[in-house]
């Protein structure tokens, strides 16, 4: 929950300090939410138990009201530096202001823990490859831009460049917080798209250039197909088109069926037959592009 919490009848409320964890995090008692964890730049500086803080006097802060999130964050605090906490706080504030979306408060734990571990890996010289980097960049462009800001700010504040691989990982955390989706589900969808692209490339014996319009079109189509399947949204049946494609482009039509069956199995949702036709059109375009390039 971002910034001020208002009391009943519109009155602003005060917070009583229960414990100061560090300069940027305190445990407080709120008149409506009981115990809360408050994260804000300098909010614990020169504070002690029993102090009263009028919330309207603190410009930028977050309040964790979920008890489970509170406990996880308390356990995390001793393991990370105050500078990192302050930096993550500023990153989350930036994401909130730029997206104008209420983030799931779990991002405080997830993002802090993830970055702390990434910094530790960097110190140990361990490089973690991101197998879904290109897919993430195409599927979540807004989140990718916000993640780029986060990685750049970490480099500026902490003097460590985590690199583009981490931009992709952070983008998934941001998307998860913005949509209230479990991170594992978000990662599964990115992996599914990467696997579907791999199946297409194997079948066509063609490596799709990752910065090409063809790649962007295919990934975008797969993303929206997955979202439609997840929502149970039916695509309008086009029987004439379906019949034409199955006769004129049997190989791409068959490949399209293979891909939709993979989606159906992995997502555990039924896929409407019309998805096959629309996907087959994209595949036929790719097949033609490959033939054109082979003639050059």
Protein backbone atom coordinates (compact mmCIF):
# COMPACT_ATOMS: atom_id res chain seq x y z
CA UNK A 1 0.00 0.00 0.00
CA UNK A 2 1.59 3.25 -1.15
CA UNK A 3 2.06 6.35 0.96
CA UNK A 4 -0.62 7.59 3.35
CA UNK A 5 -3.34 5.52 4.97
CA UNK A 6 -6.47 7.53 5.73
CA UNK A 7 -8.60 7.00 8.78
CA UNK A 8 -12.37 6.89 8.92
CA UNK A 9 -14.29 9.99 7.79
CA UNK A 10 -11.28 11.13 5.75
CA UNK A 11 -9.08 11.94 8.74
CA UNK A 12 -5.40 11.28 8.34
CA UNK A 13 -3.99 8.90 10.88
CA UNK A 14 -0.84 8.64 12.94
CA UNK A 15 1.51 5.72 13.26
CA UNK A 16 3.11 4.60 16.52
CA UNK A 17 6.64 3.20 16.24
CA UNK A 18 6.88 -0.29 17.73
CA UNK A 19 10.40 -1.12 16.58
CA UNK A 20 13.02 0.42 14.32
CA UNK A 21 14.59 -2.19 12.04
CA UNK A 22 16.92 0.29 10.32
CA UNK A 23 16.91 3.81 8.93
CA UNK A 24 14.49 2.85 6.15
CA UNK A 25 12.19 0.28 7.79
CA UNK A 26 10.15 0.31 10.97
CA UNK A 27 7.45 -1.81 12.57
CA UNK A 28 4.55 0.35 13.62
CA UNK A 29 1.08 0.19 15.11
CA UNK A 30 -1.69 1.53 12.93
CA UNK A 31 -5.13 2.39 14.42
CA UNK A 32 -6.96 0.43 11.71
CA UNK A 33 -4.46 -2.17 10.52
CA UNK A 34 -2.74 -2.97 13.82
CA UNK A 35 0.89 -3.99 13.23
CA UNK A 36 2.36 -2.88 9.92
CA UNK A 37 5.79 -2.79 8.32
CA UNK A 38 6.60 0.67 6.98
CA UNK A 39 9.25 1.18 4.30
CA UNK A 40 10.41 4.69 3.49
CA UNK A 41 13.57 6.68 3.01
CA UNK A 42 14.89 7.73 6.42
CA UNK A 43 11.65 6.83 8.20
CA UNK A 44 13.54 5.10 11.02
CA UNK A 45 16.26 7.73 11.36
CA UNK A 46 16.43 9.02 14.98
CA UNK A 47 13.17 7.20 15.76
CA UNK A 48 12.57 5.08 18.85
CA UNK A 49 9.81 2.87 20.18
CA UNK A 50 6.75 4.86 21.21
CA UNK A 51 7.34 7.76 18.79
CA UNK A 52 4.31 9.04 16.90
CA UNK A 53 4.61 9.67 13.16
CA UNK A 54 1.87 11.65 11.38
CA UNK A 55 1.67 9.76 8.09
CA UNK A 56 0.95 12.90 6.09
CA UNK A 57 4.42 14.17 6.97
CA UNK A 58 6.10 11.27 5.13
CA UNK A 59 6.05 11.85 1.38
CA UNK A 60 7.24 8.55 -0.02
CA UNK A 61 6.73 5.25 1.71
CA UNK A 62 5.06 1.85 1.53
CA UNK A 63 3.05 0.07 4.21
CA UNK A 64 2.82 -3.71 4.26
CA UNK A 65 -0.46 -4.74 5.84
CA UNK A 66 -0.51 -8.44 4.94
CA UNK A 67 0.81 -10.39 7.94
CA UNK A 68 2.53 -13.06 5.87
CA UNK A 69 4.29 -10.42 3.76
CA UNK A 70 5.32 -8.61 6.93
CA UNK A 71 6.97 -11.70 8.42
CA UNK A 72 8.81 -12.51 5.20
CA UNK A 73 10.10 -8.95 4.92
CA UNK A 74 11.27 -8.91 8.55
CA UNK A 75 13.29 -12.07 7.90
CA UNK A 76 14.76 -10.52 4.77
CA UNK A 77 15.88 -7.20 6.29
CA UNK A 78 18.93 -8.45 8.26
CA UNK A 79 20.36 -10.09 5.12
CA UNK A 80 20.43 -7.01 2.87
CA UNK A 81 22.07 -3.61 3.03
CA UNK A 82 20.17 -0.43 3.83
CA UNK A 83 21.41 1.05 0.57
CA UNK A 84 19.78 -1.77 -1.36
CA UNK A 85 16.51 -1.37 0.57
CA UNK A 86 16.49 2.35 -0.21
CA UNK A 87 17.26 1.68 -3.88
CA UNK A 88 14.53 -0.96 -4.24
CA UNK A 89 12.10 1.42 -2.53
CA UNK A 90 12.89 4.10 -5.11
CA UNK A 91 12.55 1.58 -7.93
CA UNK A 92 9.10 0.50 -6.74
CA UNK A 93 8.01 4.12 -6.37
CA UNK A 94 9.16 4.76 -9.93
CA UNK A 95 7.30 1.71 -11.26
CA UNK A 96 4.14 2.80 -9.44
CA UNK A 97 4.29 6.36 -10.74
CA UNK A 98 5.11 5.34 -14.32
CA UNK A 99 2.54 2.54 -14.59
CA UNK A 100 -0.16 4.12 -12.41
CA UNK A 101 -0.96 0.58 -11.27
CA UNK A 102 -1.39 -0.62 -7.69
CA UNK A 103 1.33 -3.21 -7.25
CA UNK A 104 0.97 -6.41 -5.28
CA UNK A 105 2.90 -5.71 -2.07
CA UNK A 106 4.80 -8.99 -2.44
CA UNK A 107 7.09 -7.16 -4.89
CA UNK A 108 8.91 -5.67 -1.88
CA UNK A 109 10.01 -9.12 -0.77
CA UNK A 110 10.38 -10.73 -4.20
CA UNK A 111 12.36 -7.95 -5.85
CA UNK A 112 14.59 -7.23 -2.83
CA UNK A 113 15.39 -10.91 -2.40
CA UNK A 114 16.00 -11.42 -6.12
CA UNK A 115 18.35 -8.44 -6.49
CA UNK A 116 20.23 -9.30 -3.28
CA UNK A 117 20.84 -12.81 -4.63
CA UNK A 118 21.85 -11.46 -8.05
CA UNK A 119 24.40 -9.15 -6.40
CA UNK A 120 25.79 -12.06 -4.41
CA UNK A 121 26.10 -14.18 -7.56
CA UNK A 122 27.91 -11.32 -9.27
CA UNK A 123 30.41 -11.12 -6.40
CA UNK A 124 31.07 -14.85 -6.76
CA UNK A 125 31.49 -14.58 -10.51
CA UNK A 126 28.42 -16.69 -11.24
CA UNK A 127 26.61 -15.66 -14.43
CA UNK A 128 23.00 -16.83 -14.76
CA UNK A 129 21.79 -17.14 -18.35
CA UNK A 130 18.26 -15.93 -19.07
CA UNK A 131 16.80 -18.33 -21.65
CA UNK A 132 13.65 -16.22 -22.12
CA UNK A 133 15.28 -12.80 -22.57
CA UNK A 134 14.11 -12.12 -26.12
CA UNK A 135 10.63 -13.46 -25.46
CA UNK A 136 10.31 -11.30 -22.32
CA UNK A 137 11.44 -8.20 -24.21
CA UNK A 138 8.79 -8.80 -26.90
CA UNK A 139 5.96 -9.91 -24.62
CA UNK A 140 6.37 -7.31 -21.87
CA UNK A 141 7.85 -4.13 -23.43
CA UNK A 142 6.54 -1.76 -20.73
CA UNK A 143 7.79 -3.94 -17.90
CA UNK A 144 11.11 -4.38 -19.72
CA UNK A 145 11.58 -0.61 -19.91
CA UNK A 146 10.83 -0.28 -16.19
CA UNK A 147 13.23 -3.13 -15.43
CA UNK A 148 15.95 -1.39 -17.46
CA UNK A 149 15.50 1.66 -15.25
CA UNK A 150 15.82 -0.56 -12.17
CA UNK A 151 19.06 -2.19 -13.32
CA UNK A 152 20.51 1.18 -14.31
CA UNK A 153 19.64 2.66 -10.91
CA UNK A 154 21.29 -0.28 -9.15
CA UNK A 155 24.40 0.30 -11.24
CA UNK A 156 24.35 4.02 -10.37
CA UNK A 157 23.70 3.55 -6.64
CA UNK A 158 25.57 0.32 -5.88
CA UNK A 159 28.23 0.36 -8.56
CA UNK A 160 27.30 -3.07 -9.92
CA UNK A 161 26.09 -3.69 -13.48
CA UNK A 162 23.83 -6.75 -13.37
CA UNK A 163 23.45 -6.69 -17.15
CA UNK A 164 20.64 -7.24 -19.62
CA UNK A 165 20.02 -10.82 -18.53
CA UNK A 166 18.79 -9.46 -15.19
CA UNK A 167 16.60 -6.87 -16.93
CA UNK A 168 14.57 -9.78 -18.26
CA UNK A 169 14.23 -11.44 -14.86
CA UNK A 170 13.22 -8.16 -13.16
CA UNK A 171 10.67 -7.45 -15.91
CA UNK A 172 8.85 -10.69 -14.99
CA UNK A 173 8.77 -9.65 -11.32
CA UNK A 174 7.28 -6.30 -12.33
CA UNK A 175 4.66 -7.90 -14.57
CA UNK A 176 3.77 -10.34 -11.77
CA UNK A 177 3.24 -7.45 -9.31
CA UNK A 178 1.26 -5.36 -11.80
CA UNK A 179 -1.13 -8.16 -12.73
CA UNK A 180 -1.31 -10.00 -9.38
CA UNK A 181 -0.14 -13.16 -11.12
CA UNK A 182 2.11 -15.66 -9.46
CA UNK A 183 5.67 -15.28 -10.75
CA UNK A 184 5.91 -18.99 -11.53
CA UNK A 185 2.87 -18.68 -13.82
CA UNK A 186 4.42 -15.69 -15.61
CA UNK A 187 7.67 -17.63 -16.06
CA UNK A 188 5.77 -20.67 -17.35
CA UNK A 189 4.12 -18.56 -20.05
CA UNK A 190 7.48 -17.10 -21.12
CA UNK A 191 8.98 -20.60 -21.25
CA UNK A 192 5.97 -21.87 -23.18
CA UNK A 193 6.43 -19.19 -25.84
CA UNK A 194 10.18 -19.91 -26.05
CA UNK A 195 9.42 -23.63 -26.48
CA UNK A 196 6.78 -22.95 -29.15
CA UNK A 197 9.22 -20.77 -31.10
CA UNK A 198 11.82 -23.55 -30.83
CA UNK A 199 9.33 -26.09 -32.25
CA UNK A 200 8.63 -23.76 -35.19
CA UNK A 201 12.34 -23.24 -35.86
CA UNK A 202 13.05 -26.99 -35.72
CA UNK A 203 10.20 -27.79 -38.10
CA UNK A 204 11.14 -25.06 -40.57
CA UNK A 205 14.88 -25.60 -40.08
CA UNK A 206 15.08 -21.83 -39.85
CA UNK A 207 16.56 -19.62 -37.13
CA UNK A 208 14.24 -16.62 -36.86
CA UNK A 209 16.33 -13.43 -36.37
CA UNK A 210 15.54 -12.26 -32.84
CA UNK A 211 15.36 -8.56 -33.73
CA UNK A 212 13.24 -9.09 -36.85
CA UNK A 213 9.66 -8.09 -37.44
CA UNK A 214 8.85 -11.73 -38.20
CA UNK A 215 9.99 -12.80 -34.73
CA UNK A 216 8.08 -9.97 -33.08
CA UNK A 217 4.90 -10.86 -34.96
CA UNK A 218 5.12 -14.54 -34.07
CA UNK A 219 5.81 -13.96 -30.37
CA UNK A 220 3.06 -11.33 -30.15
CA UNK A 221 0.57 -13.70 -31.75
CA UNK A 222 1.54 -16.53 -29.40
CA UNK A 223 1.27 -14.23 -26.40
CA UNK A 224 -2.26 -13.10 -27.26
CA UNK A 225 -3.27 -16.66 -28.10
CA UNK A 226 -2.09 -17.80 -24.65
CA UNK A 227 -3.97 -14.94 -22.98
CA UNK A 228 -7.15 -15.80 -24.91
CA UNK A 229 -6.82 -19.46 -23.96
CA UNK A 230 -6.29 -18.57 -20.31
CA UNK A 231 -9.42 -16.39 -20.31
CA UNK A 232 -11.41 -19.00 -22.20
CA UNK A 233 -12.08 -16.44 -24.92
CA UNK A 234 -13.38 -17.95 -28.14
CA UNK A 235 -12.05 -16.78 -31.51
CA UNK A 236 -14.62 -16.45 -34.26
CA UNK A 237 -14.80 -19.54 -36.46
CA UNK A 238 -13.76 -19.00 -40.07
CA UNK A 239 -14.68 -22.28 -41.75
CA UNK A 240 -13.78 -21.24 -45.31
CA UNK A 241 -10.38 -20.03 -44.19
CA UNK A 242 -9.82 -23.20 -42.18
CA UNK A 243 -10.67 -25.37 -45.16
CA UNK A 244 -8.48 -23.33 -47.50
CA UNK A 245 -5.45 -23.37 -45.24
CA UNK A 246 -5.63 -27.10 -44.58
CA UNK A 247 -5.63 -27.76 -48.34
CA UNK A 248 -3.23 -25.09 -49.55
CA UNK A 249 -0.70 -25.18 -46.71
CA UNK A 250 -1.01 -28.63 -45.13
CA UNK A 251 2.45 -28.59 -43.50
CA UNK A 252 1.95 -25.23 -41.75
CA UNK A 253 -1.61 -26.17 -40.84
CA UNK A 254 -0.33 -29.39 -39.25
CA UNK A 255 2.42 -27.50 -37.42
CA UNK A 256 -0.19 -25.06 -36.13
CA UNK A 257 -2.21 -27.98 -34.74
CA UNK A 258 0.93 -29.29 -33.03
CA UNK A 259 1.56 -25.92 -31.39
CA UNK A 260 -2.01 -25.52 -30.16
CA UNK A 261 -1.95 -29.03 -28.69
CA UNK A 262 1.23 -28.13 -26.80
CA UNK A 263 -0.48 -25.00 -25.45
CA UNK A 264 -3.55 -27.01 -24.51
CA UNK A 265 -1.50 -29.61 -22.62
CA UNK A 266 0.78 -27.14 -20.82
CA UNK A 267 -1.97 -24.68 -19.88
CA UNK A 268 -4.58 -27.34 -19.13
CA UNK A 269 -7.16 -25.29 -21.01
CA UNK A 270 -9.10 -26.16 -24.15
CA UNK A 271 -7.97 -24.40 -27.33
CA UNK A 272 -10.63 -23.38 -29.83
CA UNK A 273 -10.07 -24.73 -33.33
CA UNK A 274 -10.10 -21.26 -34.90
CA UNK A 275 -6.76 -20.53 -33.19
CA UNK A 276 -5.19 -23.09 -35.54
CA UNK A 277 -6.17 -21.16 -38.65
CA UNK A 278 -4.89 -17.79 -37.46
CA UNK A 279 -1.61 -19.30 -36.28
CA UNK A 280 -1.19 -21.19 -39.56
CA UNK A 281 -1.25 -17.86 -41.43
CA UNK A 282 1.73 -16.60 -39.37
CA UNK A 283 3.59 -19.84 -39.94
CA UNK A 284 3.01 -19.73 -43.69
CA UNK A 285 4.40 -16.21 -43.79
CA UNK A 286 7.52 -17.43 -41.97
CA UNK A 287 7.85 -20.39 -44.34
CA UNK A 288 7.70 -18.06 -47.34
CA UNK A 289 10.25 -15.74 -45.75
CA UNK A 290 12.63 -18.67 -45.32
CA UNK A 291 12.22 -19.65 -48.97
CA UNK A 292 12.89 -16.09 -50.12
CA UNK A 293 16.08 -15.91 -48.06
CA UNK A 294 17.30 -19.29 -49.31
CA UNK A 295 17.04 -18.04 -52.92
CA UNK A 296 19.27 -15.03 -52.25
